[in-house]
């Protein structure tokens, strides 16, 4: 199965320090979506940088082809709601700690 990565950045940079109620709800839905990908065996890992300004996140996952990978990105509630802008890239984990991949 091919591996993919999508990088997300907040479309409103101030969101990290001062999220609206709608943004909080959308980011919660995003987190639940990531957990559902994990439960389905699709997600390899996900996380974000910890800067207050300029933060970004990544999701590394498996999908059979680019079309299926794009569907996963588009299915992310925070991407669909345009709270995060996402870019998709083919990816390959080269080295990982035992048990990670």
N, C-alpha and C. Protein backbone atom coordinates (compact mmCIF):
# COMPACT_ATOMS: atom_id res chain seq x y z
N UNK A 1 0.85 -1.19 0.00
CA UNK A 1 0.00 0.00 0.00
C UNK A 1 0.89 1.24 0.00
N UNK A 2 0.56 2.20 -0.81
CA UNK A 2 1.33 3.44 -0.91
C UNK A 2 1.12 4.30 0.34
N UNK A 3 2.14 5.06 0.66
CA UNK A 3 2.07 5.99 1.78
C UNK A 3 1.96 7.42 1.26
N UNK A 4 1.28 8.24 2.05
CA UNK A 4 1.00 9.62 1.68
C UNK A 4 1.16 10.49 2.92
N UNK A 5 1.40 11.76 2.68
CA UNK A 5 1.44 12.73 3.77
C UNK A 5 0.62 13.95 3.35
N UNK A 6 -0.18 14.45 4.28
CA UNK A 6 -0.75 15.76 4.00
C UNK A 6 -0.38 16.70 5.12
N UNK A 7 0.01 17.89 4.68
CA UNK A 7 0.45 18.95 5.58
C UNK A 7 -0.70 19.94 5.70
N UNK A 8 -1.01 20.32 6.92
CA UNK A 8 -2.09 21.28 7.14
C UNK A 8 -1.54 22.52 7.84
N UNK A 9 -2.11 23.65 7.49
CA UNK A 9 -1.81 24.91 8.16
C UNK A 9 -3.14 25.61 8.42
N UNK A 10 -3.25 26.29 9.56
CA UNK A 10 -4.48 27.04 9.82
C UNK A 10 -4.67 28.13 8.76
N UNK A 11 -5.88 28.28 8.28
CA UNK A 11 -6.15 29.34 7.32
C UNK A 11 -6.24 30.69 8.01
N UNK A 12 -6.46 30.68 9.30
CA UNK A 12 -6.45 31.92 10.10
C UNK A 12 -5.38 31.71 11.17
N UNK A 13 -4.18 32.24 10.96
CA UNK A 13 -3.06 31.97 11.88
C UNK A 13 -3.36 32.30 13.34
N UNK A 14 -4.19 33.27 13.60
CA UNK A 14 -4.52 33.64 14.98
C UNK A 14 -5.34 32.58 15.70
N UNK A 15 -5.84 31.60 14.95
CA UNK A 15 -6.68 30.56 15.52
C UNK A 15 -6.00 29.82 16.67
N UNK A 16 -4.70 29.61 16.58
CA UNK A 16 -3.99 28.84 17.60
C UNK A 16 -4.12 29.51 18.95
N UNK A 17 -4.02 30.83 18.99
CA UNK A 17 -4.08 31.56 20.25
C UNK A 17 -5.50 31.97 20.63
N UNK A 18 -6.38 32.10 19.64
CA UNK A 18 -7.72 32.62 19.92
C UNK A 18 -8.73 31.99 18.97
N UNK A 19 -9.01 30.72 19.16
CA UNK A 19 -9.95 30.01 18.30
C UNK A 19 -11.39 30.40 18.62
N UNK A 20 -12.19 30.49 17.57
CA UNK A 20 -13.62 30.72 17.76
C UNK A 20 -14.27 29.41 18.21
N UNK A 21 -15.49 29.49 18.68
CA UNK A 21 -16.21 28.27 19.06
C UNK A 21 -16.36 27.33 17.87
N UNK A 22 -16.63 27.88 16.69
CA UNK A 22 -16.76 27.04 15.49
C UNK A 22 -15.44 26.36 15.15
N UNK A 23 -14.33 27.09 15.29
CA UNK A 23 -13.02 26.48 15.01
C UNK A 23 -12.70 25.38 16.01
N UNK A 24 -13.02 25.60 17.27
CA UNK A 24 -12.79 24.56 18.29
C UNK A 24 -13.59 23.31 17.94
N UNK A 25 -14.84 23.48 17.57
CA UNK A 25 -15.68 22.33 17.21
C UNK A 25 -15.13 21.62 15.97
N UNK A 26 -14.67 22.38 15.00
CA UNK A 26 -14.14 21.79 13.78
C UNK A 26 -12.84 21.04 14.04
N UNK A 27 -11.97 21.61 14.86
CA UNK A 27 -10.71 20.93 15.18
C UNK A 27 -10.99 19.66 15.99
N UNK A 28 -12.00 19.68 16.84
CA UNK A 28 -12.39 18.46 17.57
C UNK A 28 -12.86 17.38 16.58
N UNK A 29 -13.64 17.79 15.58
CA UNK A 29 -14.09 16.84 14.56
C UNK A 29 -12.89 16.31 13.76
N UNK A 30 -11.92 17.17 13.50
CA UNK A 30 -10.68 16.77 12.82
C UNK A 30 -9.97 15.68 13.64
N UNK A 31 -9.85 15.89 14.95
CA UNK A 31 -9.18 14.91 15.80
C UNK A 31 -9.93 13.58 15.80
N UNK A 32 -11.25 13.63 15.88
CA UNK A 32 -12.04 12.40 15.82
C UNK A 32 -11.85 11.69 14.48
N UNK A 33 -11.73 12.46 13.41
CA UNK A 33 -11.48 11.89 12.08
C UNK A 33 -10.15 11.15 12.05
N UNK A 34 -9.12 11.77 12.63
CA UNK A 34 -7.81 11.11 12.69
C UNK A 34 -7.90 9.80 13.48
N UNK A 35 -8.63 9.83 14.59
CA UNK A 35 -8.81 8.60 15.38
C UNK A 35 -9.54 7.54 14.56
N UNK A 36 -10.51 7.95 13.74
CA UNK A 36 -11.22 6.97 12.91
C UNK A 36 -10.29 6.37 11.86
N UNK A 37 -9.39 7.19 11.31
CA UNK A 37 -8.39 6.65 10.37
C UNK A 37 -7.48 5.65 11.07
N UNK A 38 -7.10 5.95 12.30
CA UNK A 38 -6.28 5.03 13.09
C UNK A 38 -7.03 3.72 13.32
N UNK A 39 -8.28 3.82 13.72
CA UNK A 39 -9.08 2.62 14.00
C UNK A 39 -9.27 1.75 12.76
N UNK A 40 -9.28 2.38 11.59
CA UNK A 40 -9.44 1.65 10.32
C UNK A 40 -8.11 1.11 9.80
N UNK A 41 -7.00 1.41 10.49
CA UNK A 41 -5.69 0.93 10.06
C UNK A 41 -5.10 1.74 8.92
N UNK A 42 -5.60 2.94 8.68
CA UNK A 42 -5.14 3.80 7.59
C UNK A 42 -4.03 4.74 8.07
N UNK A 43 -4.19 5.28 9.25
CA UNK A 43 -3.26 6.27 9.79
C UNK A 43 -1.96 5.64 10.26
N UNK A 44 -0.85 6.24 9.88
CA UNK A 44 0.46 5.84 10.41
C UNK A 44 0.80 6.73 11.60
N UNK A 45 0.72 8.04 11.41
CA UNK A 45 0.90 8.97 12.51
C UNK A 45 0.38 10.34 12.12
N UNK A 46 0.10 11.16 13.13
CA UNK A 46 -0.35 12.53 12.91
C UNK A 46 0.11 13.37 14.08
N UNK A 47 0.36 14.63 13.81
CA UNK A 47 0.75 15.54 14.87
C UNK A 47 0.98 16.93 14.32
N UNK A 48 1.35 17.84 15.23
CA UNK A 48 1.59 19.22 14.80
C UNK A 48 2.76 19.81 15.55
N UNK A 49 3.30 20.86 14.97
CA UNK A 49 4.35 21.60 15.65
C UNK A 49 3.72 22.36 16.82
N UNK A 50 4.55 22.81 17.74
CA UNK A 50 4.02 23.42 18.95
C UNK A 50 4.24 24.93 19.04
N UNK A 51 4.59 25.56 17.92
CA UNK A 51 4.72 27.01 17.92
C UNK A 51 3.35 27.67 17.98
N UNK A 52 3.28 28.80 18.68
CA UNK A 52 2.04 29.56 18.72
C UNK A 52 1.81 30.28 17.39
N UNK A 53 2.89 30.65 16.72
CA UNK A 53 2.80 31.33 15.42
C UNK A 53 3.50 30.46 14.39
N UNK A 54 2.83 30.21 13.28
CA UNK A 54 3.43 29.44 12.21
C UNK A 54 3.31 27.93 12.37
N UNK A 55 2.43 27.47 13.25
CA UNK A 55 2.27 26.04 13.46
C UNK A 55 1.73 25.35 12.21
N UNK A 56 2.04 24.08 12.07
CA UNK A 56 1.53 23.26 10.99
C UNK A 56 1.48 21.82 11.47
N UNK A 57 0.71 21.00 10.78
CA UNK A 57 0.58 19.60 11.16
C UNK A 57 0.77 18.69 9.97
N UNK A 58 1.00 17.40 10.30
CA UNK A 58 1.12 16.39 9.25
C UNK A 58 0.28 15.18 9.62
N UNK A 59 -0.17 14.52 8.59
CA UNK A 59 -0.83 13.23 8.73
C UNK A 59 -0.17 12.30 7.72
N UNK A 60 0.39 11.22 8.20
CA UNK A 60 0.99 10.21 7.33
C UNK A 60 0.05 9.00 7.35
N UNK A 61 -0.29 8.53 6.17
CA UNK A 61 -1.30 7.48 6.08
C UNK A 61 -1.07 6.62 4.84
N UNK A 62 -1.85 5.55 4.73
CA UNK A 62 -1.77 4.66 3.58
C UNK A 62 -3.06 4.77 2.75
N UNK A 63 -2.87 4.72 1.46
CA UNK A 63 -3.98 4.69 0.51
C UNK A 63 -3.46 4.04 -0.78
N UNK A 64 -4.32 3.37 -1.52
CA UNK A 64 -3.85 2.64 -2.69
C UNK A 64 -3.36 3.52 -3.84
N UNK A 65 -3.91 4.73 -3.95
CA UNK A 65 -3.53 5.60 -5.06
C UNK A 65 -3.83 7.06 -4.69
N UNK A 66 -3.44 7.96 -5.59
CA UNK A 66 -3.60 9.39 -5.29
C UNK A 66 -5.07 9.79 -5.15
N UNK A 67 -5.92 9.22 -5.94
CA UNK A 67 -7.34 9.55 -5.85
C UNK A 67 -7.89 9.19 -4.47
N UNK A 68 -7.58 7.99 -4.00
CA UNK A 68 -8.03 7.56 -2.68
C UNK A 68 -7.40 8.42 -1.58
N UNK A 69 -6.13 8.78 -1.77
CA UNK A 69 -5.45 9.63 -0.79
C UNK A 69 -6.12 11.00 -0.72
N UNK A 70 -6.45 11.56 -1.88
CA UNK A 70 -7.11 12.87 -1.91
C UNK A 70 -8.48 12.81 -1.24
N UNK A 71 -9.17 11.69 -1.40
CA UNK A 71 -10.47 11.53 -0.73
C UNK A 71 -10.30 11.56 0.79
N UNK A 72 -9.22 10.99 1.29
CA UNK A 72 -8.96 11.02 2.73
C UNK A 72 -8.71 12.46 3.18
N UNK A 73 -7.90 13.18 2.43
CA UNK A 73 -7.64 14.59 2.77
C UNK A 73 -8.95 15.38 2.74
N UNK A 74 -9.70 15.22 1.67
CA UNK A 74 -10.95 15.97 1.52
C UNK A 74 -11.98 15.59 2.57
N UNK A 75 -11.87 14.38 3.12
CA UNK A 75 -12.80 13.93 4.17
C UNK A 75 -12.49 14.50 5.54
N UNK A 76 -11.35 15.13 5.70
CA UNK A 76 -10.99 15.73 6.98
C UNK A 76 -11.92 16.92 7.21
N UNK A 77 -12.68 16.91 8.29
CA UNK A 77 -13.65 17.99 8.53
C UNK A 77 -13.03 19.38 8.58
N UNK A 78 -11.81 19.50 9.07
CA UNK A 78 -11.16 20.82 9.16
C UNK A 78 -10.69 21.30 7.80
N UNK A 79 -10.36 20.38 6.91
CA UNK A 79 -10.02 20.75 5.54
C UNK A 79 -11.29 21.12 4.79
N UNK A 80 -12.32 20.30 4.94
CA UNK A 80 -13.59 20.57 4.26
C UNK A 80 -14.18 21.91 4.69
N UNK A 81 -14.02 22.26 5.96
CA UNK A 81 -14.56 23.53 6.48
C UNK A 81 -13.61 24.70 6.22
N UNK A 82 -12.46 24.42 5.62
CA UNK A 82 -11.45 25.43 5.32
C UNK A 82 -10.86 26.09 6.56
N UNK A 83 -10.88 25.36 7.67
CA UNK A 83 -10.18 25.81 8.87
C UNK A 83 -8.69 25.54 8.68
N UNK A 84 -8.37 24.45 7.98
CA UNK A 84 -6.99 24.12 7.61
C UNK A 84 -6.90 24.06 6.09
N UNK A 85 -5.78 24.55 5.57
CA UNK A 85 -5.44 24.33 4.16
C UNK A 85 -4.51 23.13 4.11
N UNK A 86 -4.71 22.24 3.16
CA UNK A 86 -3.94 21.00 3.10
C UNK A 86 -3.25 20.84 1.75
N UNK A 87 -2.06 20.25 1.81
CA UNK A 87 -1.35 19.85 0.60
C UNK A 87 -0.99 18.37 0.74
N UNK A 88 -1.21 17.61 -0.32
CA UNK A 88 -0.98 16.17 -0.34
C UNK A 88 0.30 15.86 -1.09
N UNK A 89 1.07 14.90 -0.57
CA UNK A 89 2.33 14.49 -1.20
C UNK A 89 2.50 12.98 -1.09
N UNK A 90 3.03 12.33 -2.13
CA UNK A 90 3.43 10.93 -1.98
C UNK A 90 4.56 10.88 -0.95
N UNK A 91 4.63 9.80 -0.20
CA UNK A 91 5.57 9.75 0.92
C UNK A 91 6.02 8.31 1.12
N UNK A 92 7.16 8.14 1.74
CA UNK A 92 7.61 6.80 2.12
C UNK A 92 8.39 6.91 3.41
N UNK A 93 7.92 6.22 4.43
CA UNK A 93 8.67 6.15 5.68
C UNK A 93 9.93 5.36 5.39
N UNK A 94 11.09 5.93 5.67
CA UNK A 94 12.36 5.27 5.41
C UNK A 94 12.90 4.58 6.65
N UNK A 95 12.76 5.22 7.80
CA UNK A 95 13.24 4.66 9.07
C UNK A 95 12.21 5.00 10.13
N UNK A 96 11.89 4.04 10.94
CA UNK A 96 10.94 4.27 12.02
C UNK A 96 11.32 3.45 13.24
N UNK A 97 10.96 3.92 14.37
CA UNK A 97 11.15 3.18 15.60
C UNK A 97 10.35 1.88 15.52
N UNK A 98 10.85 0.81 16.11
CA UNK A 98 10.15 -0.47 16.10
C UNK A 98 8.72 -0.29 16.58
N UNK A 99 7.80 -0.91 15.88
CA UNK A 99 6.40 -0.86 16.26
C UNK A 99 5.64 0.32 15.68
N UNK A 100 6.35 1.28 15.09
CA UNK A 100 5.66 2.45 14.53
C UNK A 100 5.04 2.12 13.19
N UNK A 101 5.78 1.43 12.35
CA UNK A 101 5.26 1.14 11.00
C UNK A 101 5.24 -0.35 10.79
